[in-house]
PDB file of N, CA and C in Angstrom:
ATOM      1  N   UNK A   1      -3.766 -52.716 -11.420  1.00  0.00           N
ATOM      2  CA  UNK A   1      -5.053 -52.097 -10.953  1.00  0.00           C
ATOM      3  C   UNK A   1      -5.265 -52.203  -9.729  1.00  0.00           C
ATOM      4  N   UNK A   2      -4.114 -52.806  -8.781  1.00  0.00           N
ATOM      5  CA  UNK A   2      -4.128 -52.745  -7.561  1.00  0.00           C
ATOM      6  C   UNK A   2      -2.974 -51.443  -7.590  1.00  0.00           C
ATOM      7  N   UNK A   3      -2.414 -51.109  -8.021  1.00  0.00           N
ATOM      8  CA  UNK A   3      -0.911 -50.198  -7.839  1.00  0.00           C
ATOM      9  C   UNK A   3      -1.808 -48.818  -8.188  1.00  0.00           C
ATOM     10  N   UNK A   4      -2.966 -48.743  -8.985  1.00  0.00           N
ATOM     11  CA  UNK A   4      -3.615 -47.443  -9.337  1.00  0.00           C
ATOM     12  C   UNK A   4      -4.533 -47.219  -8.197  1.00  0.00           C
ATOM     13  N   UNK A   5      -5.275 -48.233  -7.339  1.00  0.00           N
ATOM     14  CA  UNK A   5      -5.893 -48.071  -6.062  1.00  0.00           C
ATOM     15  C   UNK A   5      -4.822 -47.335  -4.957  1.00  0.00           C
ATOM     16  N   UNK A   6      -3.899 -47.944  -4.942  1.00  0.00           N
ATOM     17  CA  UNK A   6      -3.005 -47.394  -3.840  1.00  0.00           C
ATOM     18  C   UNK A   6      -2.737 -46.069  -4.129  1.00  0.00           C
ATOM     19  N   UNK A   7      -2.228 -46.014  -5.427  1.00  0.00           N
ATOM     20  CA  UNK A   7      -1.651 -44.356  -5.919  1.00  0.00           C
ATOM     21  C   UNK A   7      -3.026 -43.284  -5.676  1.00  0.00           C
ATOM     22  N   UNK A   8      -4.310 -43.874  -5.678  1.00  0.00           N
ATOM     23  CA  UNK A   8      -5.566 -42.845  -5.099  1.00  0.00           C
ATOM     24  C   UNK A   8      -5.866 -43.143  -3.972  1.00  0.00           C
ATOM     25  N   UNK A   9      -5.686 -44.145  -3.319  1.00  0.00           N
ATOM     26  CA  UNK A   9      -5.742 -43.495  -1.739  1.00  0.00           C
ATOM     27  C   UNK A   9      -4.735 -43.054  -0.865  1.00  0.00           C
ATOM     28  N   UNK A  10      -3.294 -42.971  -1.501  1.00  0.00           N
ATOM     29  CA  UNK A  10      -2.313 -42.528  -1.060  1.00  0.00           C
ATOM     30  C   UNK A  10      -2.546 -40.854  -0.506  1.00  0.00           C
ATOM     31  N   UNK A  11      -2.538 -40.498   0.513  1.00  0.00           N
ATOM     32  CA  UNK A  11      -2.514 -38.788   1.000  1.00  0.00           C
ATOM     33  C   UNK A  11      -1.602 -38.283   1.391  1.00  0.00           C
ATOM     34  N   UNK A  12      -0.560 -38.748   1.466  1.00  0.00           N
ATOM     35  CA  UNK A  12       0.618 -38.288   2.083  1.00  0.00           C
ATOM     36  C   UNK A  12       1.041 -36.831   1.147  1.00  0.00           C
ATOM     37  N   UNK A  13       0.733 -36.971  -0.205  1.00  0.00           N
ATOM     38  CA  UNK A  13       1.023 -35.826  -0.890  1.00  0.00           C
ATOM     39  C   UNK A  13       0.115 -34.769  -0.872  1.00  0.00           C
ATOM     40  N   UNK A  14      -0.989 -34.812  -0.324  1.00  0.00           N
ATOM     41  CA  UNK A  14      -1.873 -34.272  -0.006  1.00  0.00           C
ATOM     42  C   UNK A  14      -2.126 -33.501   1.181  1.00  0.00           C
ATOM     43  N   UNK A  15      -1.114 -33.854   2.302  1.00  0.00           N
ATOM     44  CA  UNK A  15      -0.670 -33.720   3.525  1.00  0.00           C
ATOM     45  C   UNK A  15       0.479 -32.182   3.195  1.00  0.00           C
ATOM     46  N   UNK A  16       1.490 -32.759   2.256  1.00  0.00           N
ATOM     47  CA  UNK A  16       2.376 -31.981   2.232  1.00  0.00           C
ATOM     48  C   UNK A  16       2.031 -30.704   1.596  1.00  0.00           C
ATOM     49  N   UNK A  17       1.074 -31.072   0.432  1.00  0.00           N
ATOM     50  CA  UNK A  17       0.465 -29.573  -0.264  1.00  0.00           C
ATOM     51  C   UNK A  17      -0.302 -28.792   0.650  1.00  0.00           C
ATOM     52  N   UNK A  18      -1.018 -29.366   1.497  1.00  0.00           N
ATOM     53  CA  UNK A  18      -1.258 -28.573   2.948  1.00  0.00           C
ATOM     54  C   UNK A  18      -0.724 -27.530   3.440  1.00  0.00           C
ATOM     55  N   UNK A  19       0.451 -28.417   3.950  1.00  0.00           N
ATOM     56  CA  UNK A  19       1.558 -27.784   4.791  1.00  0.00           C
ATOM     57  C   UNK A  19       2.014 -26.323   3.555  1.00  0.00           C
ATOM     58  N   UNK A  20       2.363 -26.906   2.762  1.00  0.00           N
ATOM     59  CA  UNK A  20       3.205 -25.810   1.977  1.00  0.00           C
ATOM     60  C   UNK A  20       2.110 -24.606   1.780  1.00  0.00           C
ATOM     61  N   UNK A  21       0.547 -24.690   1.528  1.00  0.00           N
ATOM     62  CA  UNK A  21      -0.225 -23.740   1.293  1.00  0.00           C
ATOM     63  C   UNK A  21      -0.472 -22.681   2.865  1.00  0.00           C
ATOM     64  N   UNK A  22      -0.207 -23.722   3.772  1.00  0.00           N
ATOM     65  CA  UNK A  22      -0.418 -23.071   4.981  1.00  0.00           C
ATOM     66  C   UNK A  22       1.312 -22.050   5.170  1.00  0.00           C
ATOM     67  N   UNK A  23       2.080 -22.569   5.150  1.00  0.00           N
ATOM     68  CA  UNK A  23       3.579 -22.256   5.009  1.00  0.00           C
ATOM     69  C   UNK A  23       3.201 -20.584   4.153  1.00  0.00           C
ATOM     70  N   UNK A  24       2.784 -20.862   2.876  1.00  0.00           N
ATOM     71  CA  UNK A  24       2.639 -19.478   1.839  1.00  0.00           C
ATOM     72  C   UNK A  24       1.820 -18.473   2.765  1.00  0.00           C
ATOM     73  N   UNK A  25       0.535 -19.159   3.006  1.00  0.00           N
ATOM     74  CA  UNK A  25      -0.355 -18.162   3.873  1.00  0.00           C
ATOM     75  C   UNK A  25       0.529 -16.969   4.932  1.00  0.00           C
ATOM     76  N   UNK A  26       1.122 -17.866   5.591  1.00  0.00           N
ATOM     77  CA  UNK A  26       1.827 -17.283   7.071  1.00  0.00           C
ATOM     78  C   UNK A  26       2.808 -16.356   6.223  1.00  0.00           C
ATOM     79  N   UNK A  27       3.556 -16.621   5.432  1.00  0.00           N
ATOM     80  CA  UNK A  27       4.253 -15.878   4.966  1.00  0.00           C
ATOM     81  C   UNK A  27       3.858 -14.677   3.977  1.00  0.00           C
ATOM     82  N   UNK A  28       2.849 -14.709   3.808  1.00  0.00           N
ATOM     83  CA  UNK A  28       2.297 -13.249   2.932  1.00  0.00           C
ATOM     84  C   UNK A  28       1.281 -12.400   4.041  1.00  0.00           C
ATOM     85  N   UNK A  29       1.112 -13.322   5.196  1.00  0.00           N
ATOM     86  CA  UNK A  29       0.682 -12.427   6.242  1.00  0.00           C
ATOM     87  C   UNK A  29       1.918 -11.676   7.078  1.00  0.00           C
ATOM     88  N   UNK A  30       2.944 -12.366   7.157  1.00  0.00           N
ATOM     89  CA  UNK A  30       3.990 -11.680   7.802  1.00  0.00           C
ATOM     90  C   UNK A  30       4.794 -10.589   6.743  1.00  0.00           C
ATOM     91  N   UNK A  31       4.405 -10.794   5.635  1.00  0.00           N
ATOM     92  CA  UNK A  31       5.281 -10.024   4.698  1.00  0.00           C
ATOM     93  C   UNK A  31       4.284  -8.750   4.554  1.00  0.00           C
ATOM     94  N   UNK A  32       3.073  -8.703   4.918  1.00  0.00           N
ATOM     95  CA  UNK A  32       2.087  -7.376   4.758  1.00  0.00           C
ATOM     96  C   UNK A  32       2.289  -6.844   6.218  1.00  0.00           C
ATOM     97  N   UNK A  33       2.410  -7.542   7.323  1.00  0.00           N
ATOM     98  CA  UNK A  33       2.673  -7.121   8.357  1.00  0.00           C
ATOM     99  C   UNK A  33       3.985  -6.080   8.269  1.00  0.00           C
ATOM    100  N   UNK A  34       5.037  -6.794   8.162  1.00  0.00           N
ATOM    101  CA  UNK A  34       6.477  -6.053   7.987  1.00  0.00           C
ATOM    102  C   UNK A  34       6.247  -4.796   7.042  1.00  0.00           C
ATOM    103  N   UNK A  35       5.303  -4.848   5.862  1.00  0.00           N
ATOM    104  CA  UNK A  35       5.575  -3.731   5.154  1.00  0.00           C
ATOM    105  C   UNK A  35       4.543  -2.642   6.015  1.00  0.00           C
ATOM    106  N   UNK A  36       3.571  -2.853   6.363  1.00  0.00           N
ATOM    107  CA  UNK A  36       2.694  -2.133   7.374  1.00  0.00           C
ATOM    108  C   UNK A  36       3.560  -1.141   8.215  1.00  0.00           C
ATOM    109  N   UNK A  37       4.248  -2.074   9.332  1.00  0.00           N
ATOM    110  CA  UNK A  37       4.842  -1.397  10.295  1.00  0.00           C
ATOM    111  C   UNK A  37       6.441  -0.741   9.807  1.00  0.00           C
ATOM    112  N   UNK A  38       6.803  -1.167   8.803  1.00  0.00           N
ATOM    113  CA  UNK A  38       7.723  -0.456   8.139  1.00  0.00           C
ATOM    114  C   UNK A  38       7.562   0.744   7.807  1.00  0.00           C
ATOM    115  N   UNK A  39       6.498   0.609   7.066  1.00  0.00           N
ATOM    116  CA  UNK A  39       6.253   2.296   6.515  1.00  0.00           C
ATOM    117  C   UNK A  39       5.689   3.023   7.732  1.00  0.00           C
ATOM    118  N   UNK A  40       5.062   2.852   8.791  1.00  0.00           N
ATOM    119  CA  UNK A  40       4.749   3.598   9.889  1.00  0.00           C
ATOM    120  C   UNK A  40       6.173   3.653  10.833  1.00  0.00           C
ATOM    121  N   UNK A  41       6.888   2.859  10.804  1.00  0.00           N
ATOM    122  CA  UNK A  41       8.239   3.112  11.553  1.00  0.00           C
ATOM    123  C   UNK A  41       9.051   4.186  10.605  1.00  0.00           C
ATOM    124  N   UNK A  42       9.099   4.486   9.209  1.00  0.00           N
ATOM    125  CA  UNK A  42       9.789   5.296   8.719  1.00  0.00           C
ATOM    126  C   UNK A  42       9.113   6.787   9.178  1.00  0.00           C
ATOM    127  N   UNK A  43       7.587   6.633   8.976  1.00  0.00           N
ATOM    128  CA  UNK A  43       7.055   7.855   9.226  1.00  0.00           C
ATOM    129  C   UNK A  43       7.498   8.388  10.556  1.00  0.00           C
ATOM    130  N   UNK A  44       7.477   7.484  11.539  1.00  0.00           N
ATOM    131  CA  UNK A  44       7.702   7.969  13.142  1.00  0.00           C
ATOM    132  C   UNK A  44       9.113   8.479  13.215  1.00  0.00           C
ATOM    133  N   UNK A  45      10.149   7.826  12.195  1.00  0.00           N
ATOM    134  CA  UNK A  45      11.709   8.465  12.262  1.00  0.00           C
ATOM    135  C   UNK A  45      11.752   9.716  11.878  1.00  0.00           C
ATOM    136  N   UNK A  46      10.774   9.841  10.209  1.00  0.00           N
ATOM    137  CA  UNK A  46      11.338  11.318   9.736  1.00  0.00           C
ATOM    138  C   UNK A  46      10.705  12.447  10.564  1.00  0.00           C
ATOM    139  N   UNK A  47       9.630  12.046  11.250  1.00  0.00           N
ATOM    140  CA  UNK A  47       9.058  13.109  12.118  1.00  0.00           C
ATOM    141  C   UNK A  47      10.017  13.714  13.018  1.00  0.00           C
ATOM    142  N   UNK A  48      10.434  12.772  13.984  1.00  0.00           N
ATOM    143  CA  UNK A  48      11.399  12.932  15.340  1.00  0.00           C
ATOM    144  C   UNK A  48      12.679  13.589  14.476  1.00  0.00           C
ATOM    145  N   UNK A  49      12.936  13.204  13.442  1.00  0.00           N
ATOM    146  CA  UNK A  49      14.191  13.834  12.561  1.00  0.00           C
ATOM    147  C   UNK A  49      13.870  15.490  12.310  1.00  0.00           C
ATOM    148  N   UNK A  50      12.604  15.644  11.700  1.00  0.00           N
ATOM    149  CA  UNK A  50      12.357  17.024  11.470  1.00  0.00           C
ATOM    150  C   UNK A  50      11.848  17.774  12.443  1.00  0.00           C
ATOM    151  N   UNK A  51      11.477  17.131  13.582  1.00  0.00           N
ATOM    152  CA  UNK A  51      11.179  18.113  14.969  1.00  0.00           C
ATOM    153  C   UNK A  51      12.851  18.072  15.785  1.00  0.00           C
ATOM    154  N   UNK A  52      13.603  17.395  15.771  1.00  0.00           N
ATOM    155  CA  UNK A  52      14.928  17.609  16.342  1.00  0.00           C
ATOM    156  C   UNK A  52      15.696  18.385  15.327  1.00  0.00           C
ATOM    157  N   UNK A  53      15.719  18.452  14.221  1.00  0.00           N
ATOM    158  CA  UNK A  53      16.189  19.549  13.067  1.00  0.00           C
ATOM    159  C   UNK A  53      15.422  21.026  13.496  1.00  0.00           C
ATOM    160  N   UNK A  54      14.055  20.903  13.565  1.00  0.00           N
ATOM    161  CA  UNK A  54      13.643  22.363  14.024  1.00  0.00           C
ATOM    162  C   UNK A  54      14.019  22.866  15.408  1.00  0.00           C
ATOM    163  N   UNK A  55      13.951  21.898  16.212  1.00  0.00           N
ATOM    164  CA  UNK A  55      14.548  22.414  17.882  1.00  0.00           C
ATOM    165  C   UNK A  55      15.967  23.291  17.687  1.00  0.00           C
ATOM    166  N   UNK A  56      16.611  22.351  17.087  1.00  0.00           N
ATOM    167  CA  UNK A  56      18.417  22.818  17.316  1.00  0.00           C
ATOM    168  C   UNK A  56      18.417  23.758  15.810  1.00  0.00           C
TER     169      UNK A  56
END
């Protein structure tokens, strides 16, 4: 019975879980930002390439 109380009151797993969820959230935000910036950068380079081709 004493071991069960110790197991229930142990919060070390909860801390690890919280850090895992925080890391997953940060990774999701970074992935979204990189995808958005990547699309913008590709569009910019395509525009520059088209303008350079039209000028020459």
